[in-house]
Amino acid sequence: MPAKSIHKTEYLVLLRRLRALRTAAGLTQVDLSAALQRPQSYVSDVERGSRRMDLLQLRELCNACGQSLSEFVDEFEQELGHAKPSRRPPKRPS
């Protein structure tokens, strides 16, 4: 069974990029949550990986931080180029 996406290196990169996006915009979690009209716990949960977002929510978050979704995805893809692969070698039969 393949690993869930939350356990992949790529997901950790995504979480790191989300936090970096917010901090580069000079926003606290409270600031961003106000811009999104959501509780601060929402932003915290997203950044910790305990809450998943759909594409529209990600776009809204990017826009609130002053970046387009496409710019965010480009930076995410660039960072993945330097990340270790998340796939484990297949198990050998016993």
PDB file of N, CA and C in Angstrom:
ATOM      1  N   MET A   1       0.847  -1.174   0.000  1.00  0.00           N
ATOM      2  CA  MET A   1       0.000   0.000   0.000  1.00  0.00           C
ATOM      3  C   MET A   1       0.894   1.239   0.000  1.00  0.00           C
ATOM      4  N   PRO A   2       0.663   2.202  -0.911  1.00  0.00           N
ATOM      5  CA  PRO A   2       1.496   3.400  -0.961  1.00  0.00           C
ATOM      6  C   PRO A   2       1.318   4.254   0.287  1.00  0.00           C
ATOM      7  N   ALA A   3       2.375   4.995   0.619  1.00  0.00           N
ATOM      8  CA  ALA A   3       2.320   5.874   1.781  1.00  0.00           C
ATOM      9  C   ALA A   3       1.322   6.989   1.518  1.00  0.00           C
ATOM     10  N   LYS A   4       0.635   7.414   2.591  1.00  0.00           N
ATOM     11  CA  LYS A   4      -0.288   8.537   2.464  1.00  0.00           C
ATOM     12  C   LYS A   4       0.514   9.789   2.145  1.00  0.00           C
ATOM     13  N   SER A   5      -0.108  10.701   1.424  1.00  0.00           N
ATOM     14  CA  SER A   5       0.613  11.899   0.988  1.00  0.00           C
ATOM     15  C   SER A   5       1.141  12.720   2.157  1.00  0.00           C
ATOM     16  N   ILE A   6       0.493  12.676   3.315  1.00  0.00           N
ATOM     17  CA  ILE A   6       0.971  13.471   4.448  1.00  0.00           C
ATOM     18  C   ILE A   6       2.290  12.939   4.998  1.00  0.00           C
ATOM     19  N   HIS A   7       2.687  11.737   4.588  1.00  0.00           N
ATOM     20  CA  HIS A   7       3.939  11.162   5.061  1.00  0.00           C
ATOM     21  C   HIS A   7       5.054  11.275   4.021  1.00  0.00           C
ATOM     22  N   LYS A   8       4.782  11.920   2.921  1.00  0.00           N
ATOM     23  CA  LYS A   8       5.768  12.055   1.865  1.00  0.00           C
ATOM     24  C   LYS A   8       6.595  13.316   2.064  1.00  0.00           C
ATOM     25  N   THR A   9       7.806  13.278   1.584  1.00  0.00           N
ATOM     26  CA  THR A   9       8.692  14.439   1.631  1.00  0.00           C
ATOM     27  C   THR A   9       8.027  15.638   0.967  1.00  0.00           C
ATOM     28  N   GLU A  10       7.315  15.397  -0.112  1.00  0.00           N
ATOM     29  CA  GLU A  10       6.675  16.476  -0.841  1.00  0.00           C
ATOM     30  C   GLU A  10       5.692  17.243   0.041  1.00  0.00           C
ATOM     31  N   TYR A  11       4.999  16.538   0.918  1.00  0.00           N
ATOM     32  CA  TYR A  11       4.032  17.208   1.792  1.00  0.00           C
ATOM     33  C   TYR A  11       4.753  18.090   2.810  1.00  0.00           C
ATOM     34  N   LEU A  12       5.889  17.635   3.294  1.00  0.00           N
ATOM     35  CA  LEU A  12       6.675  18.456   4.218  1.00  0.00           C
ATOM     36  C   LEU A  12       7.179  19.715   3.528  1.00  0.00           C
ATOM     37  N   VAL A  13       7.549  19.591   2.263  1.00  0.00           N
ATOM     38  CA  VAL A  13       7.970  20.759   1.481  1.00  0.00           C
ATOM     39  C   VAL A  13       6.788  21.723   1.343  1.00  0.00           C
ATOM     40  N   LEU A  14       5.608  21.202   1.069  1.00  0.00           N
ATOM     41  CA  LEU A  14       4.423  22.042   0.946  1.00  0.00           C
ATOM     42  C   LEU A  14       4.176  22.819   2.237  1.00  0.00           C
ATOM     43  N   LEU A  15       4.237  22.153   3.358  1.00  0.00           N
ATOM     44  CA  LEU A  15       4.013  22.821   4.639  1.00  0.00           C
ATOM     45  C   LEU A  15       5.061  23.899   4.892  1.00  0.00           C
ATOM     46  N   ARG A  16       6.295  23.595   4.570  1.00  0.00           N
ATOM     47  CA  ARG A  16       7.379  24.567   4.738  1.00  0.00           C
ATOM     48  C   ARG A  16       7.149  25.779   3.830  1.00  0.00           C
ATOM     49  N   ARG A  17       6.735  25.539   2.582  1.00  0.00           N
ATOM     50  CA  ARG A  17       6.477  26.621   1.641  1.00  0.00           C
ATOM     51  C   ARG A  17       5.310  27.497   2.096  1.00  0.00           C
ATOM     52  N   LEU A  18       4.268  26.887   2.660  1.00  0.00           N
ATOM     53  CA  LEU A  18       3.120  27.660   3.137  1.00  0.00           C
ATOM     54  C   LEU A  18       3.528  28.618   4.247  1.00  0.00           C
ATOM     55  N   ARG A  19       4.314  28.115   5.183  1.00  0.00           N
ATOM     56  CA  ARG A  19       4.758  28.975   6.292  1.00  0.00           C
ATOM     57  C   ARG A  19       5.693  30.063   5.773  1.00  0.00           C
ATOM     58  N   ALA A  20       6.583  29.708   4.867  1.00  0.00           N
ATOM     59  CA  ALA A  20       7.511  30.684   4.290  1.00  0.00           C
ATOM     60  C   ALA A  20       6.749  31.757   3.518  1.00  0.00           C
ATOM     61  N   LEU A  21       5.696  31.379   2.828  1.00  0.00           N
ATOM     62  CA  LEU A  21       4.873  32.331   2.094  1.00  0.00           C
ATOM     63  C   LEU A  21       4.291  33.368   3.048  1.00  0.00           C
ATOM     64  N   ARG A  22       3.734  32.897   4.137  1.00  0.00           N
ATOM     65  CA  ARG A  22       3.121  33.801   5.117  1.00  0.00           C
ATOM     66  C   ARG A  22       4.153  34.721   5.741  1.00  0.00           C
ATOM     67  N   THR A  23       5.266  34.156   6.176  1.00  0.00           N
ATOM     68  CA  THR A  23       6.274  34.978   6.850  1.00  0.00           C
ATOM     69  C   THR A  23       6.942  35.958   5.893  1.00  0.00           C
ATOM     70  N   ALA A  24       7.143  35.556   4.629  1.00  0.00           N
ATOM     71  CA  ALA A  24       7.727  36.464   3.635  1.00  0.00           C
ATOM     72  C   ALA A  24       6.793  37.640   3.363  1.00  0.00           C
ATOM     73  N   ALA A  25       5.500  37.412   3.521  1.00  0.00           N
ATOM     74  CA  ALA A  25       4.522  38.477   3.335  1.00  0.00           C
ATOM     75  C   ALA A  25       4.445  39.379   4.570  1.00  0.00           C
ATOM     76  N   GLY A  26       5.194  39.014   5.615  1.00  0.00           N
ATOM     77  CA  GLY A  26       5.193  39.809   6.841  1.00  0.00           C
ATOM     78  C   GLY A  26       3.928  39.645   7.664  1.00  0.00           C
ATOM     79  N   LEU A  27       3.268  38.500   7.500  1.00  0.00           N
ATOM     80  CA  LEU A  27       2.006  38.256   8.197  1.00  0.00           C
ATOM     81  C   LEU A  27       2.183  37.265   9.343  1.00  0.00           C
ATOM     82  N   THR A  28       1.493  37.525  10.425  1.00  0.00           N
ATOM     83  CA  THR A  28       1.395  36.539  11.495  1.00  0.00           C
ATOM     84  C   THR A  28       0.235  35.609  11.146  1.00  0.00           C
ATOM     85  N   GLN A  29       0.102  34.541  11.891  1.00  0.00           N
ATOM     86  CA  GLN A  29      -1.054  33.667  11.686  1.00  0.00           C
ATOM     87  C   GLN A  29      -2.353  34.431  11.934  1.00  0.00           C
ATOM     88  N   VAL A  30      -2.345  35.321  12.899  1.00  0.00           N
ATOM     89  CA  VAL A  30      -3.541  36.119  13.203  1.00  0.00           C
ATOM     90  C   VAL A  30      -3.866  37.037  12.027  1.00  0.00           C
ATOM     91  N   ASP A  31      -2.835  37.677  11.462  1.00  0.00           N
ATOM     92  CA  ASP A  31      -3.053  38.550  10.300  1.00  0.00           C
ATOM     93  C   ASP A  31      -3.660  37.774   9.134  1.00  0.00           C
ATOM     94  N   LEU A  32      -3.060  36.631   8.839  1.00  0.00           N
ATOM     95  CA  LEU A  32      -3.527  35.830   7.710  1.00  0.00           C
ATOM     96  C   LEU A  32      -4.936  35.310   7.965  1.00  0.00           C
ATOM     97  N   SER A  33      -5.197  34.879   9.170  1.00  0.00           N
ATOM     98  CA  SER A  33      -6.540  34.369   9.473  1.00  0.00           C
ATOM     99  C   SER A  33      -7.591  35.466   9.321  1.00  0.00           C
ATOM    100  N   ALA A  34      -7.237  36.699   9.683  1.00  0.00           N
ATOM    101  CA  ALA A  34      -8.174  37.815   9.510  1.00  0.00           C
ATOM    102  C   ALA A  34      -8.426  38.064   8.021  1.00  0.00           C
ATOM    103  N   ALA A  35      -7.372  38.010   7.212  1.00  0.00           N
ATOM    104  CA  ALA A  35      -7.514  38.215   5.768  1.00  0.00           C
ATOM    105  C   ALA A  35      -8.376  37.122   5.137  1.00  0.00           C
ATOM    106  N   LEU A  36      -8.272  35.922   5.676  1.00  0.00           N
ATOM    107  CA  LEU A  36      -9.045  34.788   5.160  1.00  0.00           C
ATOM    108  C   LEU A  36     -10.426  34.689   5.794  1.00  0.00           C
ATOM    109  N   GLN A  37     -10.659  35.507   6.807  1.00  0.00           N
ATOM    110  CA  GLN A  37     -11.909  35.474   7.583  1.00  0.00           C
ATOM    111  C   GLN A  37     -12.147  34.086   8.184  1.00  0.00           C
ATOM    112  N   ARG A  38     -11.099  33.591   8.787  1.00  0.00           N
ATOM    113  CA  ARG A  38     -11.137  32.290   9.458  1.00  0.00           C
ATOM    114  C   ARG A  38     -10.444  32.430  10.804  1.00  0.00           C
ATOM    115  N   PRO A  39     -10.661  31.493  11.702  1.00  0.00           N
ATOM    116  CA  PRO A  39      -9.958  31.569  13.000  1.00  0.00           C
ATOM    117  C   PRO A  39      -8.460  31.321  12.841  1.00  0.00           C
ATOM    118  N   GLN A  40      -7.692  31.835  13.762  1.00  0.00           N
ATOM    119  CA  GLN A  40      -6.239  31.632  13.742  1.00  0.00           C
ATOM    120  C   GLN A  40      -5.906  30.153  13.766  1.00  0.00           C
ATOM    121  N   SER A  41      -6.716  29.366  14.434  1.00  0.00           N
ATOM    122  CA  SER A  41      -6.457  27.922  14.509  1.00  0.00           C
ATOM    123  C   SER A  41      -6.487  27.269  13.125  1.00  0.00           C
ATOM    124  N   TYR A  42      -7.249  27.830  12.200  1.00  0.00           N
ATOM    125  CA  TYR A  42      -7.286  27.307  10.826  1.00  0.00           C
ATOM    126  C   TYR A  42      -5.898  27.399  10.190  1.00  0.00           C
ATOM    127  N   VAL A  43      -5.275  28.577  10.292  1.00  0.00           N
ATOM    128  CA  VAL A  43      -3.945  28.769   9.712  1.00  0.00           C
ATOM    129  C   VAL A  43      -2.939  27.853  10.399  1.00  0.00           C
ATOM    130  N   SER A  44      -3.026  27.771  11.706  1.00  0.00           N
ATOM    131  CA  SER A  44      -2.127  26.893  12.463  1.00  0.00           C
ATOM    132  C   SER A  44      -2.291  25.442  12.016  1.00  0.00           C
ATOM    133  N   ASP A  45      -3.521  25.001  11.894  1.00  0.00           N
ATOM    134  CA  ASP A  45      -3.787  23.614  11.484  1.00  0.00           C
ATOM    135  C   ASP A  45      -3.263  23.336  10.076  1.00  0.00           C
ATOM    136  N   VAL A  46      -3.412  24.303   9.174  1.00  0.00           N
ATOM    137  CA  VAL A  46      -2.901  24.142   7.812  1.00  0.00           C
ATOM    138  C   VAL A  46      -1.386  24.018   7.842  1.00  0.00           C
ATOM    139  N   GLU A  47      -0.726  24.912   8.573  1.00  0.00           N
ATOM    140  CA  GLU A  47       0.737  24.913   8.598  1.00  0.00           C
ATOM    141  C   GLU A  47       1.316  23.688   9.298  1.00  0.00           C
ATOM    142  N   ARG A  48       0.581  23.111  10.217  1.00  0.00           N
ATOM    143  CA  ARG A  48       1.049  21.900  10.902  1.00  0.00           C
ATOM    144  C   ARG A  48       0.708  20.630  10.127  1.00  0.00           C
ATOM    145  N   GLY A  49      -0.158  20.761   9.135  1.00  0.00           N
ATOM    146  CA  GLY A  49      -0.524  19.602   8.335  1.00  0.00           C
ATOM    147  C   GLY A  49      -1.696  18.824   8.879  1.00  0.00           C
ATOM    148  N   SER A  50      -2.375  19.361   9.885  1.00  0.00           N
ATOM    149  CA  SER A  50      -3.523  18.640  10.430  1.00  0.00           C
ATOM    150  C   SER A  50      -4.819  19.012   9.716  1.00  0.00           C
ATOM    151  N   ARG A  51      -4.761  20.001   8.848  1.00  0.00           N
ATOM    152  CA  ARG A  51      -5.917  20.374   8.030  1.00  0.00           C
ATOM    153  C   ARG A  51      -5.461  20.436   6.581  1.00  0.00           C
ATOM    154  N   ARG A  52      -6.193  19.750   5.729  1.00  0.00           N
ATOM    155  CA  ARG A  52      -5.898  19.763   4.298  1.00  0.00           C
ATOM    156  C   ARG A  52      -6.684  20.881   3.636  1.00  0.00           C
ATOM    157  N   MET A  53      -6.149  21.371   2.528  1.00  0.00           N
ATOM    158  CA  MET A  53      -6.829  22.416   1.777  1.00  0.00           C
ATOM    159  C   MET A  53      -7.112  21.921   0.370  1.00  0.00           C
ATOM    160  N   ASP A  54      -8.173  22.457  -0.209  1.00  0.00           N
ATOM    161  CA  ASP A  54      -8.391  22.176  -1.621  1.00  0.00           C
ATOM    162  C   ASP A  54      -7.719  23.284  -2.428  1.00  0.00           C
ATOM    163  N   LEU A  55      -7.778  23.175  -3.726  1.00  0.00           N
ATOM    164  CA  LEU A  55      -7.091  24.112  -4.611  1.00  0.00           C
ATOM    165  C   LEU A  55      -7.604  25.542  -4.437  1.00  0.00           C
ATOM    166  N   LEU A  56      -8.897  25.696  -4.265  1.00  0.00           N
ATOM    167  CA  LEU A  56      -9.464  27.031  -4.100  1.00  0.00           C
ATOM    168  C   LEU A  56      -8.996  27.679  -2.796  1.00  0.00           C
ATOM    169  N   GLN A  57      -8.911  26.900  -1.740  1.00  0.00           N
ATOM    170  CA  GLN A  57      -8.422  27.428  -0.465  1.00  0.00           C
ATOM    171  C   GLN A  57      -6.948  27.804  -0.566  1.00  0.00           C
ATOM    172  N   LEU A  58      -6.160  26.994  -1.260  1.00  0.00           N
ATOM    173  CA  LEU A  58      -4.749  27.306  -1.453  1.00  0.00           C
ATOM    174  C   LEU A  58      -4.602  28.600  -2.250  1.00  0.00           C
ATOM    175  N   ARG A  59      -5.401  28.760  -3.271  1.00  0.00           N
ATOM    176  CA  ARG A  59      -5.379  29.993  -4.070  1.00  0.00           C
ATOM    177  C   ARG A  59      -5.726  31.202  -3.210  1.00  0.00           C
ATOM    178  N   GLU A  60      -6.736  31.072  -2.380  1.00  0.00           N
ATOM    179  CA  GLU A  60      -7.149  32.164  -1.492  1.00  0.00           C
ATOM    180  C   GLU A  60      -6.021  32.525  -0.522  1.00  0.00           C
ATOM    181  N   LEU A  61      -5.357  31.515   0.024  1.00  0.00           N
ATOM    182  CA  LEU A  61      -4.249  31.749   0.948  1.00  0.00           C
ATOM    183  C   LEU A  61      -3.101  32.454   0.233  1.00  0.00           C
ATOM    184  N   CYS A  62      -2.760  31.990  -0.956  1.00  0.00           N
ATOM    185  CA  CYS A  62      -1.681  32.623  -1.735  1.00  0.00           C
ATOM    186  C   CYS A  62      -2.013  34.085  -2.009  1.00  0.00           C
ATOM    187  N   ASN A  63      -3.222  34.347  -2.458  1.00  0.00           N
ATOM    188  CA  ASN A  63      -3.632  35.715  -2.767  1.00  0.00           C
ATOM    189  C   ASN A  63      -3.581  36.603  -1.531  1.00  0.00           C
ATOM    190  N   ALA A  64      -3.972  36.085  -0.380  1.00  0.00           N
ATOM    191  CA  ALA A  64      -3.933  36.859   0.863  1.00  0.00           C
ATOM    192  C   ALA A  64      -2.499  37.210   1.241  1.00  0.00           C
ATOM    193  N   CYS A  65      -1.546  36.404   0.772  1.00  0.00           N
ATOM    194  CA  CYS A  65      -0.126  36.653   1.042  1.00  0.00           C
ATOM    195  C   CYS A  65       0.541  37.438  -0.089  1.00  0.00           C
ATOM    196  N   GLY A  66      -0.235  37.835  -1.085  1.00  0.00           N
ATOM    197  CA  GLY A  66       0.306  38.646  -2.167  1.00  0.00           C
ATOM    198  C   GLY A  66       1.037  37.876  -3.248  1.00  0.00           C
ATOM    199  N   GLN A  67       0.723  36.600  -3.388  1.00  0.00           N
ATOM    200  CA  GLN A  67       1.370  35.780  -4.411  1.00  0.00           C
ATOM    201  C   GLN A  67       0.306  35.023  -5.182  1.00  0.00           C
ATOM    202  N   SER A  68       0.536  34.827  -6.470  1.00  0.00           N
ATOM    203  CA  SER A  68      -0.417  34.051  -7.256  1.00  0.00           C
ATOM    204  C   SER A  68      -0.210  32.560  -6.975  1.00  0.00           C
ATOM    205  N   LEU A  69      -1.247  31.807  -7.242  1.00  0.00           N
ATOM    206  CA  LEU A  69      -1.163  30.360  -7.088  1.00  0.00           C
ATOM    207  C   LEU A  69      -0.084  29.786  -7.998  1.00  0.00           C
ATOM    208  N   SER A  70      -0.010  30.286  -9.225  1.00  0.00           N
ATOM    209  CA  SER A  70       0.985  29.747 -10.163  1.00  0.00           C
ATOM    210  C   SER A  70       2.407  30.038  -9.687  1.00  0.00           C
ATOM    211  N   GLU A  71       2.657  31.206  -9.104  1.00  0.00           N
ATOM    212  CA  GLU A  71       3.982  31.510  -8.554  1.00  0.00           C
ATOM    213  C   GLU A  71       4.310  30.562  -7.405  1.00  0.00           C
ATOM    214  N   PHE A  72       3.323  30.321  -6.547  1.00  0.00           N
ATOM    215  CA  PHE A  72       3.526  29.410  -5.424  1.00  0.00           C
ATOM    216  C   PHE A  72       3.875  28.013  -5.923  1.00  0.00           C
ATOM    217  N   VAL A  73       3.132  27.536  -6.901  1.00  0.00           N
ATOM    218  CA  VAL A  73       3.373  26.192  -7.440  1.00  0.00           C
ATOM    219  C   VAL A  73       4.750  26.116  -8.090  1.00  0.00           C
ATOM    220  N   ASP A  74       5.138  27.160  -8.819  1.00  0.00           N
ATOM    221  CA  ASP A  74       6.468  27.169  -9.435  1.00  0.00           C
ATOM    222  C   ASP A  74       7.567  27.049  -8.377  1.00  0.00           C
ATOM    223  N   GLU A  75       7.440  27.818  -7.287  1.00  0.00           N
ATOM    224  CA  GLU A  75       8.443  27.757  -6.212  1.00  0.00           C
ATOM    225  C   GLU A  75       8.427  26.393  -5.529  1.00  0.00           C
ATOM    226  N   PHE A  76       7.245  25.845  -5.347  1.00  0.00           N
ATOM    227  CA  PHE A  76       7.102  24.515  -4.753  1.00  0.00           C
ATOM    228  C   PHE A  76       7.815  23.474  -5.623  1.00  0.00           C
ATOM    229  N   GLU A  77       7.576  23.523  -6.923  1.00  0.00           N
ATOM    230  CA  GLU A  77       8.209  22.582  -7.844  1.00  0.00           C
ATOM    231  C   GLU A  77       9.727  22.753  -7.856  1.00  0.00           C
ATOM    232  N   GLN A  78      10.207  23.982  -7.798  1.00  0.00           N
ATOM    233  CA  GLN A  78      11.645  24.219  -7.758  1.00  0.00           C
ATOM    234  C   GLN A  78      12.248  23.601  -6.507  1.00  0.00           C
ATOM    235  N   GLU A  79      11.592  23.784  -5.389  1.00  0.00           N
ATOM    236  CA  GLU A  79      12.120  23.209  -4.150  1.00  0.00           C
ATOM    237  C   GLU A  79      12.078  21.688  -4.191  1.00  0.00           C
ATOM    238  N   LEU A  80      11.074  21.127  -4.793  1.00  0.00           N
ATOM    239  CA  LEU A  80      11.004  19.662  -4.908  1.00  0.00           C
ATOM    240  C   LEU A  80      12.169  19.116  -5.715  1.00  0.00           C
ATOM    241  N   GLY A  81      12.672  19.904  -6.632  1.00  0.00           N
ATOM    242  CA  GLY A  81      13.821  19.472  -7.413  1.00  0.00           C
ATOM    243  C   GLY A  81      15.038  19.235  -6.552  1.00  0.00           C
ATOM    244  N   HIS A  82      15.062  19.828  -5.364  1.00  0.00           N
ATOM    245  CA  HIS A  82      16.183  19.671  -4.440  1.00  0.00           C
ATOM    246  C   HIS A  82      15.844  18.742  -3.276  1.00  0.00           C
ATOM    247  N   ALA A  83      14.591  18.308  -3.202  1.00  0.00           N
ATOM    248  CA  ALA A  83      14.166  17.446  -2.094  1.00  0.00           C
ATOM    249  C   ALA A  83      14.508  15.993  -2.402  1.00  0.00           C
ATOM    250  N   LYS A  84      14.694  15.228  -1.357  1.00  0.00           N
ATOM    251  CA  LYS A  84      14.952  13.798  -1.528  1.00  0.00           C
ATOM    252  C   LYS A  84      13.674  13.115  -2.006  1.00  0.00           C
ATOM    253  N   PRO A  85      13.791  12.079  -2.828  1.00  0.00           N
ATOM    254  CA  PRO A  85      12.595  11.356  -3.259  1.00  0.00           C
ATOM    255  C   PRO A  85      11.889  10.742  -2.056  1.00  0.00           C
ATOM    256  N   SER A  86      10.569  10.691  -2.131  1.00  0.00           N
ATOM    257  CA  SER A  86       9.800  10.168  -1.002  1.00  0.00           C
ATOM    258  C   SER A  86       9.505   8.680  -1.118  1.00  0.00           C
ATOM    259  N   ARG A  87       9.797   8.110  -2.239  1.00  0.00           N
ATOM    260  CA  ARG A  87       9.466   6.698  -2.415  1.00  0.00           C
ATOM    261  C   ARG A  87      10.511   5.806  -1.779  1.00  0.00           C
ATOM    262  N   ARG A  88      10.021   4.831  -1.094  1.00  0.00           N
ATOM    263  CA  ARG A  88      10.913   3.842  -0.492  1.00  0.00           C
ATOM    264  C   ARG A  88      11.151   2.732  -1.504  1.00  0.00           C
ATOM    265  N   PRO A  89      12.296   2.084  -1.409  1.00  0.00           N
ATOM    266  CA  PRO A  89      12.527   0.956  -2.323  1.00  0.00           C
ATOM    267  C   PRO A  89      11.490  -0.134  -2.070  1.00  0.00           C
ATOM    268  N   PRO A  90      11.092  -0.854  -3.111  1.00  0.00           N
ATOM    269  CA  PRO A  90      10.091  -1.915  -2.912  1.00  0.00           C
ATOM    270  C   PRO A  90      10.653  -3.012  -2.006  1.00  0.00           C
ATOM    271  N   LYS A  91       9.740  -3.610  -1.255  1.00  0.00           N
ATOM    272  CA  LYS A  91      10.138  -4.714  -0.371  1.00  0.00           C
ATOM    273  C   LYS A  91      10.477  -5.932  -1.223  1.00  0.00           C
ATOM    274  N   ARG A  92      11.517  -6.606  -0.809  1.00  0.00           N
ATOM    275  CA  ARG A  92      11.913  -7.837  -1.514  1.00  0.00           C
ATOM    276  C   ARG A  92      11.097  -8.984  -0.968  1.00  0.00           C
ATOM    277  N   PRO A  93      10.692  -9.889  -1.848  1.00  0.00           N
ATOM    278  CA  PRO A  93       9.930 -11.048  -1.352  1.00  0.00           C
ATOM    279  C   PRO A  93      10.793 -11.892  -0.425  1.00  0.00           C
ATOM    280  N   SER A  94      10.162 -12.486   0.569  1.00  0.00           N
ATOM    281  CA  SER A  94      10.891 -13.320   1.540  1.00  0.00           C
ATOM    282  C   SER A  94      11.181 -14.680   1.002  1.00  0.00           C
TER     283      SER A  94
END
